[in-house]
Amino acid sequence: MIQKEMQLDNTVIYDLSAGECHARGIAVNIPDTELNILQARCKNGMLFCGIFSKEVLEKLDFPAAVFSAPAFSDMMERKPVFLTSKAMAMGATMNMTGEELLVLFS
């Protein structure tokens, strides 16, 4: 489930949940567009939209998944376009949806 919690100017905070697992999602609007930069913070990893660099995330050495997703609803339904090696070491696969990865990272 995706529930809007708060909005401050062009930033919206969401509660993302899958069963008992919860994550905090942040959507920041890109000026003069309807597009948003998305990130979700789980207990043990993060989900990102495709604007984030695969190379930088890999160097940061933590579990992360990158999606081609304009909204959190898309991110929860879709499969990632990239997983860090730390995410794969936790058991993440490219066949998992964002919702499944939220559970794994929680």
PDB file of N, CA and C in Angstrom:
ATOM      1  N   MET A   1       0.841  -1.162   0.000  1.00  0.00           N
ATOM      2  CA  MET A   1       0.000   0.000   0.000  1.00  0.00           C
ATOM      3  C   MET A   1       0.896   1.238   0.000  1.00  0.00           C
ATOM      4  N   ILE A   2       0.436   2.268  -0.657  1.00  0.00           N
ATOM      5  CA  ILE A   2       1.151   3.540  -0.736  1.00  0.00           C
ATOM      6  C   ILE A   2       0.239   4.610  -0.151  1.00  0.00           C
ATOM      7  N   GLN A   3       0.712   5.254   0.922  1.00  0.00           N
ATOM      8  CA  GLN A   3      -0.107   6.258   1.583  1.00  0.00           C
ATOM      9  C   GLN A   3       0.679   7.555   1.719  1.00  0.00           C
ATOM     10  N   LYS A   4       0.102   8.628   1.207  1.00  0.00           N
ATOM     11  CA  LYS A   4       0.725   9.937   1.324  1.00  0.00           C
ATOM     12  C   LYS A   4       0.635  10.394   2.773  1.00  0.00           C
ATOM     13  N   GLU A   5       1.789  10.781   3.345  1.00  0.00           N
ATOM     14  CA  GLU A   5       1.819  11.216   4.735  1.00  0.00           C
ATOM     15  C   GLU A   5       1.879  12.726   4.886  1.00  0.00           C
ATOM     16  N   MET A   6       2.712  13.366   4.062  1.00  0.00           N
ATOM     17  CA  MET A   6       2.918  14.791   4.245  1.00  0.00           C
ATOM     18  C   MET A   6       3.479  15.398   2.958  1.00  0.00           C
ATOM     19  N   GLN A   7       3.150  16.667   2.727  1.00  0.00           N
ATOM     20  CA  GLN A   7       3.702  17.383   1.583  1.00  0.00           C
ATOM     21  C   GLN A   7       4.247  18.717   2.054  1.00  0.00           C
ATOM     22  N   LEU A   8       5.436  19.049   1.594  1.00  0.00           N
ATOM     23  CA  LEU A   8       6.066  20.330   1.874  1.00  0.00           C
ATOM     24  C   LEU A   8       6.566  20.873   0.548  1.00  0.00           C
ATOM     25  N   ASP A   9       5.903  21.898   0.050  1.00  0.00           N
ATOM     26  CA  ASP A   9       6.218  22.462  -1.260  1.00  0.00           C
ATOM     27  C   ASP A   9       6.214  21.367  -2.326  1.00  0.00           C
ATOM     28  N   ASN A  10       7.370  21.091  -2.922  1.00  0.00           N
ATOM     29  CA  ASN A  10       7.469  20.134  -4.021  1.00  0.00           C
ATOM     30  C   ASN A  10       8.011  18.781  -3.586  1.00  0.00           C
ATOM     31  N   THR A  11       7.915  18.485  -2.294  1.00  0.00           N
ATOM     32  CA  THR A  11       8.375  17.212  -1.745  1.00  0.00           C
ATOM     33  C   THR A  11       7.216  16.527  -1.034  1.00  0.00           C
ATOM     34  N   VAL A  12       7.024  15.232  -1.338  1.00  0.00           N
ATOM     35  CA  VAL A  12       5.949  14.460  -0.712  1.00  0.00           C
ATOM     36  C   VAL A  12       6.569  13.250  -0.026  1.00  0.00           C
ATOM     37  N   ILE A  13       6.149  12.993   1.206  1.00  0.00           N
ATOM     38  CA  ILE A  13       6.613  11.833   1.956  1.00  0.00           C
ATOM     39  C   ILE A  13       5.495  10.804   1.995  1.00  0.00           C
ATOM     40  N   TYR A  14       5.873   9.548   1.723  1.00  0.00           N
ATOM     41  CA  TYR A  14       4.912   8.448   1.668  1.00  0.00           C
ATOM     42  C   TYR A  14       5.293   7.353   2.659  1.00  0.00           C
ATOM     43  N   ASP A  15       4.284   6.616   3.113  1.00  0.00           N
ATOM     44  CA  ASP A  15       4.492   5.355   3.814  1.00  0.00           C
ATOM     45  C   ASP A  15       4.233   4.266   2.787  1.00  0.00           C
ATOM     46  N   LEU A  16       5.229   3.438   2.523  1.00  0.00           N
ATOM     47  CA  LEU A  16       5.108   2.324   1.594  1.00  0.00           C
ATOM     48  C   LEU A  16       5.078   1.055   2.427  1.00  0.00           C
ATOM     49  N   SER A  17       4.108   0.188   2.167  1.00  0.00           N
ATOM     50  CA  SER A  17       4.032  -1.034   2.957  1.00  0.00           C
ATOM     51  C   SER A  17       3.717  -2.238   2.085  1.00  0.00           C
ATOM     52  N   ALA A  18       4.214  -3.373   2.557  1.00  0.00           N
ATOM     53  CA  ALA A  18       3.941  -4.671   1.946  1.00  0.00           C
ATOM     54  C   ALA A  18       3.790  -5.635   3.112  1.00  0.00           C
ATOM     55  N   GLY A  19       2.566  -5.984   3.439  1.00  0.00           N
ATOM     56  CA  GLY A  19       2.317  -6.809   4.620  1.00  0.00           C
ATOM     57  C   GLY A  19       2.736  -6.051   5.864  1.00  0.00           C
ATOM     58  N   GLU A  20       3.602  -6.651   6.666  1.00  0.00           N
ATOM     59  CA  GLU A  20       4.081  -6.034   7.907  1.00  0.00           C
ATOM     60  C   GLU A  20       5.283  -5.117   7.688  1.00  0.00           C
ATOM     61  N   CYS A  21       5.817  -5.077   6.480  1.00  0.00           N
ATOM     62  CA  CYS A  21       7.023  -4.310   6.190  1.00  0.00           C
ATOM     63  C   CYS A  21       6.673  -2.901   5.724  1.00  0.00           C
ATOM     64  N   HIS A  22       7.410  -1.929   6.255  1.00  0.00           N
ATOM     65  CA  HIS A  22       7.177  -0.530   5.911  1.00  0.00           C
ATOM     66  C   HIS A  22       8.478   0.144   5.498  1.00  0.00           C
ATOM     67  N   ALA A  23       8.342   1.121   4.624  1.00  0.00           N
ATOM     68  CA  ALA A  23       9.461   1.955   4.207  1.00  0.00           C
ATOM     69  C   ALA A  23       8.959   3.380   4.076  1.00  0.00           C
ATOM     70  N   ARG A  24       9.854   4.321   4.199  1.00  0.00           N
ATOM     71  CA  ARG A  24       9.527   5.729   4.019  1.00  0.00           C
ATOM     72  C   ARG A  24       9.961   6.128   2.623  1.00  0.00           C
ATOM     73  N   GLY A  25       9.025   6.653   1.820  1.00  0.00           N
ATOM     74  CA  GLY A  25       9.326   7.084   0.466  1.00  0.00           C
ATOM     75  C   GLY A  25       9.294   8.600   0.351  1.00  0.00           C
ATOM     76  N   ILE A  26      10.196   9.135  -0.450  1.00  0.00           N
ATOM     77  CA  ILE A  26      10.253  10.579  -0.681  1.00  0.00           C
ATOM     78  C   ILE A  26      10.219  10.821  -2.180  1.00  0.00           C
ATOM     79  N   ALA A  27       9.309  11.684  -2.618  1.00  0.00           N
ATOM     80  CA  ALA A  27       9.201  12.082  -4.025  1.00  0.00           C
ATOM     81  C   ALA A  27       9.452  13.582  -4.109  1.00  0.00           C
ATOM     82  N   VAL A  28      10.438  13.967  -4.893  1.00  0.00           N
ATOM     83  CA  VAL A  28      10.769  15.379  -5.084  1.00  0.00           C
ATOM     84  C   VAL A  28      10.495  15.737  -6.535  1.00  0.00           C
ATOM     85  N   ASN A  29       9.624  16.719  -6.752  1.00  0.00           N
ATOM     86  CA  ASN A  29       9.260  17.130  -8.102  1.00  0.00           C
ATOM     87  C   ASN A  29      10.416  17.822  -8.794  1.00  0.00           C
ATOM     88  N   ILE A  30      10.644  17.473 -10.063  1.00  0.00           N
ATOM     89  CA  ILE A  30      11.639  18.142 -10.897  1.00  0.00           C
ATOM     90  C   ILE A  30      10.985  19.418 -11.426  1.00  0.00           C
ATOM     91  N   PRO A  31      11.616  20.585 -11.224  1.00  0.00           N
ATOM     92  CA  PRO A  31      11.001  21.856 -11.611  1.00  0.00           C
ATOM     93  C   PRO A  31      10.491  21.864 -13.054  1.00  0.00           C
ATOM     94  N   ASP A  32       9.329  22.482 -13.232  1.00  0.00           N
ATOM     95  CA  ASP A  32       8.697  22.685 -14.539  1.00  0.00           C
ATOM     96  C   ASP A  32       8.332  21.375 -15.239  1.00  0.00           C
ATOM     97  N   THR A  33       8.128  20.301 -14.473  1.00  0.00           N
ATOM     98  CA  THR A  33       7.714  19.022 -15.040  1.00  0.00           C
ATOM     99  C   THR A  33       6.690  18.367 -14.108  1.00  0.00           C
ATOM    100  N   GLU A  34       6.152  17.261 -14.563  1.00  0.00           N
ATOM    101  CA  GLU A  34       5.292  16.416 -13.728  1.00  0.00           C
ATOM    102  C   GLU A  34       6.087  15.229 -13.191  1.00  0.00           C
ATOM    103  N   LEU A  35       7.404  15.231 -13.405  1.00  0.00           N
ATOM    104  CA  LEU A  35       8.275  14.122 -13.028  1.00  0.00           C
ATOM    105  C   LEU A  35       8.792  14.274 -11.601  1.00  0.00           C
ATOM    106  N   ASN A  36       9.092  13.139 -10.973  1.00  0.00           N
ATOM    107  CA  ASN A  36       9.604  13.138  -9.607  1.00  0.00           C
ATOM    108  C   ASN A  36      10.853  12.292  -9.491  1.00  0.00           C
ATOM    109  N   ILE A  37      11.720  12.678  -8.571  1.00  0.00           N
ATOM    110  CA  ILE A  37      12.855  11.861  -8.172  1.00  0.00           C
ATOM    111  C   ILE A  37      12.378  11.053  -6.972  1.00  0.00           C
ATOM    112  N   LEU A  38      12.500   9.729  -7.051  1.00  0.00           N
ATOM    113  CA  LEU A  38      11.958   8.846  -6.015  1.00  0.00           C
ATOM    114  C   LEU A  38      13.061   8.103  -5.278  1.00  0.00           C
ATOM    115  N   GLN A  39      12.886   7.990  -3.947  1.00  0.00           N
ATOM    116  CA  GLN A  39      13.731   7.101  -3.156  1.00  0.00           C
ATOM    117  C   GLN A  39      12.922   6.587  -1.979  1.00  0.00           C
ATOM    118  N   ALA A  40      13.170   5.337  -1.628  1.00  0.00           N
ATOM    119  CA  ALA A  40      12.480   4.720  -0.500  1.00  0.00           C
ATOM    120  C   ALA A  40      13.524   4.121   0.426  1.00  0.00           C
ATOM    121  N   ARG A  41      13.432   4.447   1.708  1.00  0.00           N
ATOM    122  CA  ARG A  41      14.394   3.974   2.717  1.00  0.00           C
ATOM    123  C   ARG A  41      13.775   2.831   3.498  1.00  0.00           C
ATOM    124  N   CYS A  42      14.319   1.648   3.320  1.00  0.00           N
ATOM    125  CA  CYS A  42      13.913   0.462   4.079  1.00  0.00           C
ATOM    126  C   CYS A  42      14.893   0.296   5.243  1.00  0.00           C
ATOM    127  N   LYS A  43      14.615  -0.630   6.114  1.00  0.00           N
ATOM    128  CA  LYS A  43      15.494  -0.851   7.268  1.00  0.00           C
ATOM    129  C   LYS A  43      16.912  -1.224   6.829  1.00  0.00           C
ATOM    130  N   ASN A  44      17.038  -2.052   5.787  1.00  0.00           N
ATOM    131  CA  ASN A  44      18.350  -2.581   5.389  1.00  0.00           C
ATOM    132  C   ASN A  44      18.725  -2.317   3.943  1.00  0.00           C
ATOM    133  N   GLY A  45      18.133  -1.336   3.303  1.00  0.00           N
ATOM    134  CA  GLY A  45      18.456  -1.041   1.915  1.00  0.00           C
ATOM    135  C   GLY A  45      17.565   0.056   1.377  1.00  0.00           C
ATOM    136  N   MET A  46      17.737   0.388   0.105  1.00  0.00           N
ATOM    137  CA  MET A  46      16.964   1.470  -0.498  1.00  0.00           C
ATOM    138  C   MET A  46      16.513   1.115  -1.903  1.00  0.00           C
ATOM    139  N   LEU A  47      15.399   1.741  -2.319  1.00  0.00           N
ATOM    140  CA  LEU A  47      14.883   1.650  -3.678  1.00  0.00           C
ATOM    141  C   LEU A  47      14.988   3.042  -4.288  1.00  0.00           C
ATOM    142  N   PHE A  48      15.422   3.123  -5.552  1.00  0.00           N
ATOM    143  CA  PHE A  48      15.617   4.402  -6.222  1.00  0.00           C
ATOM    144  C   PHE A  48      14.995   4.392  -7.613  1.00  0.00           C
ATOM    145  N   CYS A  49      14.679   5.593  -8.119  1.00  0.00           N
ATOM    146  CA  CYS A  49      14.296   5.716  -9.520  1.00  0.00           C
ATOM    147  C   CYS A  49      15.573   5.717 -10.359  1.00  0.00           C
ATOM    148  N   GLY A  50      15.423   5.664 -11.648  1.00  0.00           N
ATOM    149  CA  GLY A  50      16.554   5.510 -12.550  1.00  0.00           C
ATOM    150  C   GLY A  50      17.496   6.687 -12.657  1.00  0.00           C
ATOM    151  N   ILE A  51      17.202   7.807 -12.017  1.00  0.00           N
ATOM    152  CA  ILE A  51      18.086   8.967 -12.094  1.00  0.00           C
ATOM    153  C   ILE A  51      19.369   8.748 -11.291  1.00  0.00           C
ATOM    154  N   PHE A  52      19.347   7.777 -10.389  1.00  0.00           N
ATOM    155  CA  PHE A  52      20.512   7.512  -9.558  1.00  0.00           C
ATOM    156  C   PHE A  52      21.533   6.656 -10.299  1.00  0.00           C
ATOM    157  N   SER A  53      22.796   6.977 -10.143  1.00  0.00           N
ATOM    158  CA  SER A  53      23.890   6.318 -10.851  1.00  0.00           C
ATOM    159  C   SER A  53      24.186   4.933 -10.275  1.00  0.00           C
ATOM    160  N   LYS A  54      24.196   3.942 -11.160  1.00  0.00           N
ATOM    161  CA  LYS A  54      24.533   2.574 -10.752  1.00  0.00           C
ATOM    162  C   LYS A  54      25.956   2.525 -10.192  1.00  0.00           C
ATOM    163  N   GLU A  55      26.867   3.208 -10.833  1.00  0.00           N
ATOM    164  CA  GLU A  55      28.272   3.169 -10.420  1.00  0.00           C
ATOM    165  C   GLU A  55      28.455   3.759  -9.022  1.00  0.00           C
ATOM    166  N   VAL A  56      27.799   4.869  -8.751  1.00  0.00           N
ATOM    167  CA  VAL A  56      27.916   5.499  -7.426  1.00  0.00           C
ATOM    168  C   VAL A  56      27.285   4.620  -6.354  1.00  0.00           C
ATOM    169  N   LEU A  57      26.107   4.065  -6.639  1.00  0.00           N
ATOM    170  CA  LEU A  57      25.454   3.199  -5.655  1.00  0.00           C
ATOM    171  C   LEU A  57      26.319   1.985  -5.335  1.00  0.00           C
ATOM    172  N   GLU A  58      26.956   1.424  -6.339  1.00  0.00           N
ATOM    173  CA  GLU A  58      27.820   0.263  -6.107  1.00  0.00           C
ATOM    174  C   GLU A  58      29.004   0.650  -5.223  1.00  0.00           C
ATOM    175  N   LYS A  59      29.576   1.823  -5.449  1.00  0.00           N
ATOM    176  CA  LYS A  59      30.717   2.282  -4.637  1.00  0.00           C
ATOM    177  C   LYS A  59      30.308   2.552  -3.193  1.00  0.00           C
ATOM    178  N   LEU A  60      29.056   2.938  -2.960  1.00  0.00           N
ATOM    179  CA  LEU A  60      28.590   3.193  -1.592  1.00  0.00           C
ATOM    180  C   LEU A  60      28.454   1.904  -0.799  1.00  0.00           C
ATOM    181  N   ASP A  61      28.409   0.765  -1.500  1.00  0.00           N
ATOM    182  CA  ASP A  61      28.477  -0.556  -0.874  1.00  0.00           C
ATOM    183  C   ASP A  61      27.342  -0.829   0.115  1.00  0.00           C
ATOM    184  N   PHE A  62      26.105  -0.678  -0.354  1.00  0.00           N
ATOM    185  CA  PHE A  62      24.933  -1.036   0.445  1.00  0.00           C
ATOM    186  C   PHE A  62      23.864  -1.614  -0.472  1.00  0.00           C
ATOM    187  N   PRO A  63      22.880  -2.331   0.089  1.00  0.00           N
ATOM    188  CA  PRO A  63      21.824  -2.919  -0.733  1.00  0.00           C
ATOM    189  C   PRO A  63      20.937  -1.845  -1.363  1.00  0.00           C
ATOM    190  N   ALA A  64      20.862  -1.853  -2.683  1.00  0.00           N
ATOM    191  CA  ALA A  64      20.035  -0.878  -3.387  1.00  0.00           C
ATOM    192  C   ALA A  64      19.483  -1.491  -4.669  1.00  0.00           C
ATOM    193  N   ALA A  65      18.291  -1.007  -5.049  1.00  0.00           N
ATOM    194  CA  ALA A  65      17.648  -1.409  -6.294  1.00  0.00           C
ATOM    195  C   ALA A  65      17.231  -0.151  -7.037  1.00  0.00           C
ATOM    196  N   VAL A  66      17.432  -0.132  -8.348  1.00  0.00           N
ATOM    197  CA  VAL A  66      17.079   1.014  -9.186  1.00  0.00           C
ATOM    198  C   VAL A  66      15.974   0.576 -10.147  1.00  0.00           C
ATOM    199  N   PHE A  67      14.972   1.441 -10.303  1.00  0.00           N
ATOM    200  CA  PHE A  67      13.816   1.141 -11.137  1.00  0.00           C
ATOM    201  C   PHE A  67      13.593   2.220 -12.186  1.00  0.00           C
ATOM    202  N   SER A  68      13.001   1.837 -13.302  1.00  0.00           N
ATOM    203  CA  SER A  68      12.457   2.786 -14.263  1.00  0.00           C
ATOM    204  C   SER A  68      11.008   2.986 -13.836  1.00  0.00           C
ATOM    205  N   ALA A  69      10.774   4.032 -13.025  1.00  0.00           N
ATOM    206  CA  ALA A  69       9.461   4.200 -12.405  1.00  0.00           C
ATOM    207  C   ALA A  69       9.166   5.678 -12.159  1.00  0.00           C
ATOM    208  N   PRO A  70       8.141   6.217 -12.791  1.00  0.00           N
ATOM    209  CA  PRO A  70       7.789   7.613 -12.564  1.00  0.00           C
ATOM    210  C   PRO A  70       6.995   7.846 -11.275  1.00  0.00           C
ATOM    211  N   ALA A  71       6.474   6.782 -10.663  1.00  0.00           N
ATOM    212  CA  ALA A  71       5.693   6.909  -9.428  1.00  0.00           C
ATOM    213  C   ALA A  71       5.959   5.688  -8.551  1.00  0.00           C
ATOM    214  N   PHE A  72       5.690   5.826  -7.239  1.00  0.00           N
ATOM    215  CA  PHE A  72       5.908   4.702  -6.337  1.00  0.00           C
ATOM    216  C   PHE A  72       5.037   3.501  -6.695  1.00  0.00           C
ATOM    217  N   SER A  73       3.845   3.746  -7.226  1.00  0.00           N
ATOM    218  CA  SER A  73       2.994   2.618  -7.623  1.00  0.00           C
ATOM    219  C   SER A  73       3.681   1.795  -8.714  1.00  0.00           C
ATOM    220  N   ASP A  74       4.357   2.463  -9.647  1.00  0.00           N
ATOM    221  CA  ASP A  74       5.115   1.764 -10.685  1.00  0.00           C
ATOM    222  C   ASP A  74       6.294   0.999 -10.072  1.00  0.00           C
ATOM    223  N   MET A  75       6.995   1.654  -9.143  1.00  0.00           N
ATOM    224  CA  MET A  75       8.156   1.038  -8.512  1.00  0.00           C
ATOM    225  C   MET A  75       7.764  -0.248  -7.783  1.00  0.00           C
ATOM    226  N   MET A  76       6.636  -0.248  -7.092  1.00  0.00           N
ATOM    227  CA  MET A  76       6.219  -1.419  -6.327  1.00  0.00           C
ATOM    228  C   MET A  76       5.838  -2.582  -7.245  1.00  0.00           C
ATOM    229  N   GLU A  77       5.321  -2.284  -8.446  1.00  0.00           N
ATOM    230  CA  GLU A  77       4.867  -3.317  -9.382  1.00  0.00           C
ATOM    231  C   GLU A  77       5.973  -3.832 -10.298  1.00  0.00           C
ATOM    232  N   ARG A  78       6.960  -2.992 -10.591  1.00  0.00           N
ATOM    233  CA  ARG A  78       7.972  -3.332 -11.589  1.00  0.00           C
ATOM    234  C   ARG A  78       9.165  -4.067 -11.009  1.00  0.00           C
ATOM    235  N   LYS A  79       9.947  -4.614 -11.931  1.00  0.00           N
ATOM    236  CA  LYS A  79      11.207  -5.260 -11.585  1.00  0.00           C
ATOM    237  C   LYS A  79      12.331  -4.239 -11.746  1.00  0.00           C
ATOM    238  N   PRO A  80      13.418  -4.392 -10.999  1.00  0.00           N
ATOM    239  CA  PRO A  80      14.501  -3.404 -11.073  1.00  0.00           C
ATOM    240  C   PRO A  80      15.257  -3.476 -12.399  1.00  0.00           C
ATOM    241  N   VAL A  81      15.916  -2.378 -12.722  1.00  0.00           N
ATOM    242  CA  VAL A  81      16.814  -2.355 -13.879  1.00  0.00           C
ATOM    243  C   VAL A  81      18.257  -2.557 -13.423  1.00  0.00           C
ATOM    244  N   PHE A  82      18.483  -2.436 -12.108  1.00  0.00           N
ATOM    245  CA  PHE A  82      19.822  -2.634 -11.546  1.00  0.00           C
ATOM    246  C   PHE A  82      19.716  -2.981 -10.068  1.00  0.00           C
ATOM    247  N   LEU A  83      20.567  -3.895  -9.624  1.00  0.00           N
ATOM    248  CA  LEU A  83      20.719  -4.244  -8.207  1.00  0.00           C
ATOM    249  C   LEU A  83      22.192  -4.136  -7.845  1.00  0.00           C
ATOM    250  N   THR A  84      22.502  -3.588  -6.680  1.00  0.00           N
ATOM    251  CA  THR A  84      23.896  -3.573  -6.236  1.00  0.00           C
ATOM    252  C   THR A  84      24.292  -4.986  -5.827  1.00  0.00           C
ATOM    253  N   SER A  85      25.591  -5.220  -5.772  1.00  0.00           N
ATOM    254  CA  SER A  85      26.080  -6.537  -5.368  1.00  0.00           C
ATOM    255  C   SER A  85      25.663  -6.851  -3.934  1.00  0.00           C
ATOM    256  N   LYS A  86      25.577  -5.847  -3.060  1.00  0.00           N
ATOM    257  CA  LYS A  86      25.112  -6.069  -1.680  1.00  0.00           C
ATOM    258  C   LYS A  86      23.657  -6.515  -1.666  1.00  0.00           C
ATOM    259  N   ALA A  87      22.830  -5.975  -2.565  1.00  0.00           N
ATOM    260  CA  ALA A  87      21.431  -6.394  -2.651  1.00  0.00           C
ATOM    261  C   ALA A  87      21.347  -7.853  -3.094  1.00  0.00           C
ATOM    262  N   MET A  88      22.158  -8.209  -4.087  1.00  0.00           N
ATOM    263  CA  MET A  88      22.150  -9.595  -4.570  1.00  0.00           C
ATOM    264  C   MET A  88      22.669 -10.551  -3.495  1.00  0.00           C
ATOM    265  N   ALA A  89      23.637 -10.108  -2.680  1.00  0.00           N
ATOM    266  CA  ALA A  89      24.151 -10.938  -1.595  1.00  0.00           C
ATOM    267  C   ALA A  89      23.075 -11.205  -0.540  1.00  0.00           C
ATOM    268  N   MET A  90      22.102 -10.300  -0.432  1.00  0.00           N
ATOM    269  CA  MET A  90      20.985 -10.486   0.504  1.00  0.00           C
ATOM    270  C   MET A  90      19.922 -11.425  -0.065  1.00  0.00           C
ATOM    271  N   GLY A  91      20.035 -11.757  -1.372  1.00  0.00           N
ATOM    272  CA  GLY A  91      19.059 -12.634  -2.009  1.00  0.00           C
ATOM    273  C   GLY A  91      18.180 -11.939  -3.029  1.00  0.00           C
ATOM    274  N   ALA A  92      18.428 -10.653  -3.300  1.00  0.00           N
ATOM    275  CA  ALA A  92      17.653  -9.923  -4.303  1.00  0.00           C
ATOM    276  C   ALA A  92      17.953 -10.462  -5.696  1.00  0.00           C
ATOM    277  N   THR A  93      16.909 -10.524  -6.534  1.00  0.00           N
ATOM    278  CA  THR A  93      17.088 -10.945  -7.920  1.00  0.00           C
ATOM    279  C   THR A  93      16.388  -9.958  -8.841  1.00  0.00           C
ATOM    280  N   MET A  94      16.777  -9.981 -10.095  1.00  0.00           N
ATOM    281  CA  MET A  94      16.186  -9.095 -11.090  1.00  0.00           C
ATOM    282  C   MET A  94      14.732  -9.472 -11.400  1.00  0.00           C
ATOM    283  N   ASN A  95      14.281 -10.632 -10.953  1.00  0.00           N
ATOM    284  CA  ASN A  95      12.901 -11.065 -11.171  1.00  0.00           C
ATOM    285  C   ASN A  95      11.954 -10.613 -10.068  1.00  0.00           C
ATOM    286  N   MET A  96      12.476  -9.975  -9.037  1.00  0.00           N
ATOM    287  CA  MET A  96      11.640  -9.524  -7.926  1.00  0.00           C
ATOM    288  C   MET A  96      11.023  -8.170  -8.252  1.00  0.00           C
ATOM    289  N   THR A  97       9.828  -7.930  -7.732  1.00  0.00           N
ATOM    290  CA  THR A  97       9.189  -6.617  -7.880  1.00  0.00           C
ATOM    291  C   THR A  97       9.696  -5.693  -6.770  1.00  0.00           C
ATOM    292  N   GLY A  98       9.390  -4.416  -6.921  1.00  0.00           N
ATOM    293  CA  GLY A  98       9.730  -3.459  -5.874  1.00  0.00           C
ATOM    294  C   GLY A  98       9.114  -3.837  -4.544  1.00  0.00           C
ATOM    295  N   GLU A  99       7.894  -4.319  -4.570  1.00  0.00           N
ATOM    296  CA  GLU A  99       7.237  -4.741  -3.332  1.00  0.00           C
ATOM    297  C   GLU A  99       7.995  -5.891  -2.677  1.00  0.00           C
ATOM    298  N   GLU A 100       8.428  -6.851  -3.473  1.00  0.00           N
ATOM    299  CA  GLU A 100       9.200  -7.976  -2.929  1.00  0.00           C
ATOM    300  C   GLU A 100      10.547  -7.516  -2.383  1.00  0.00           C
ATOM    301  N   LEU A 101      11.166  -6.554  -3.047  1.00  0.00           N
ATOM    302  CA  LEU A 101      12.437  -6.029  -2.572  1.00  0.00           C
ATOM    303  C   LEU A 101      12.254  -5.204  -1.298  1.00  0.00           C
ATOM    304  N   LEU A 102      11.145  -4.483  -1.195  1.00  0.00           N
ATOM    305  CA  LEU A 102      10.840  -3.756   0.034  1.00  0.00           C
ATOM    306  C   LEU A 102      10.796  -4.730   1.213  1.00  0.00           C
ATOM    307  N   VAL A 103      10.147  -5.867   1.017  1.00  0.00           N
ATOM    308  CA  VAL A 103      10.069  -6.890   2.071  1.00  0.00           C
ATOM    309  C   VAL A 103      11.468  -7.421   2.378  1.00  0.00           C
ATOM    310  N   LEU A 104      12.252  -7.746   1.367  1.00  0.00           N
ATOM    311  CA  LEU A 104      13.601  -8.269   1.574  1.00  0.00           C
ATOM    312  C   LEU A 104      14.468  -7.261   2.312  1.00  0.00           C
ATOM    313  N   PHE A 105      14.415  -5.997   1.916  1.00  0.00           N
ATOM    314  CA  PHE A 105      15.241  -4.964   2.523  1.00  0.00           C
ATOM    315  C   PHE A 105      14.746  -4.542   3.910  1.00  0.00           C
ATOM    316  N   SER A 106      13.551  -4.974   4.265  1.00  0.00           N
ATOM    317  CA  SER A 106      13.006  -4.621   5.585  1.00  0.00           C
ATOM    318  C   SER A 106      13.358  -5.691   6.603  1.00  0.00           C
TER     319      SER A 106
END
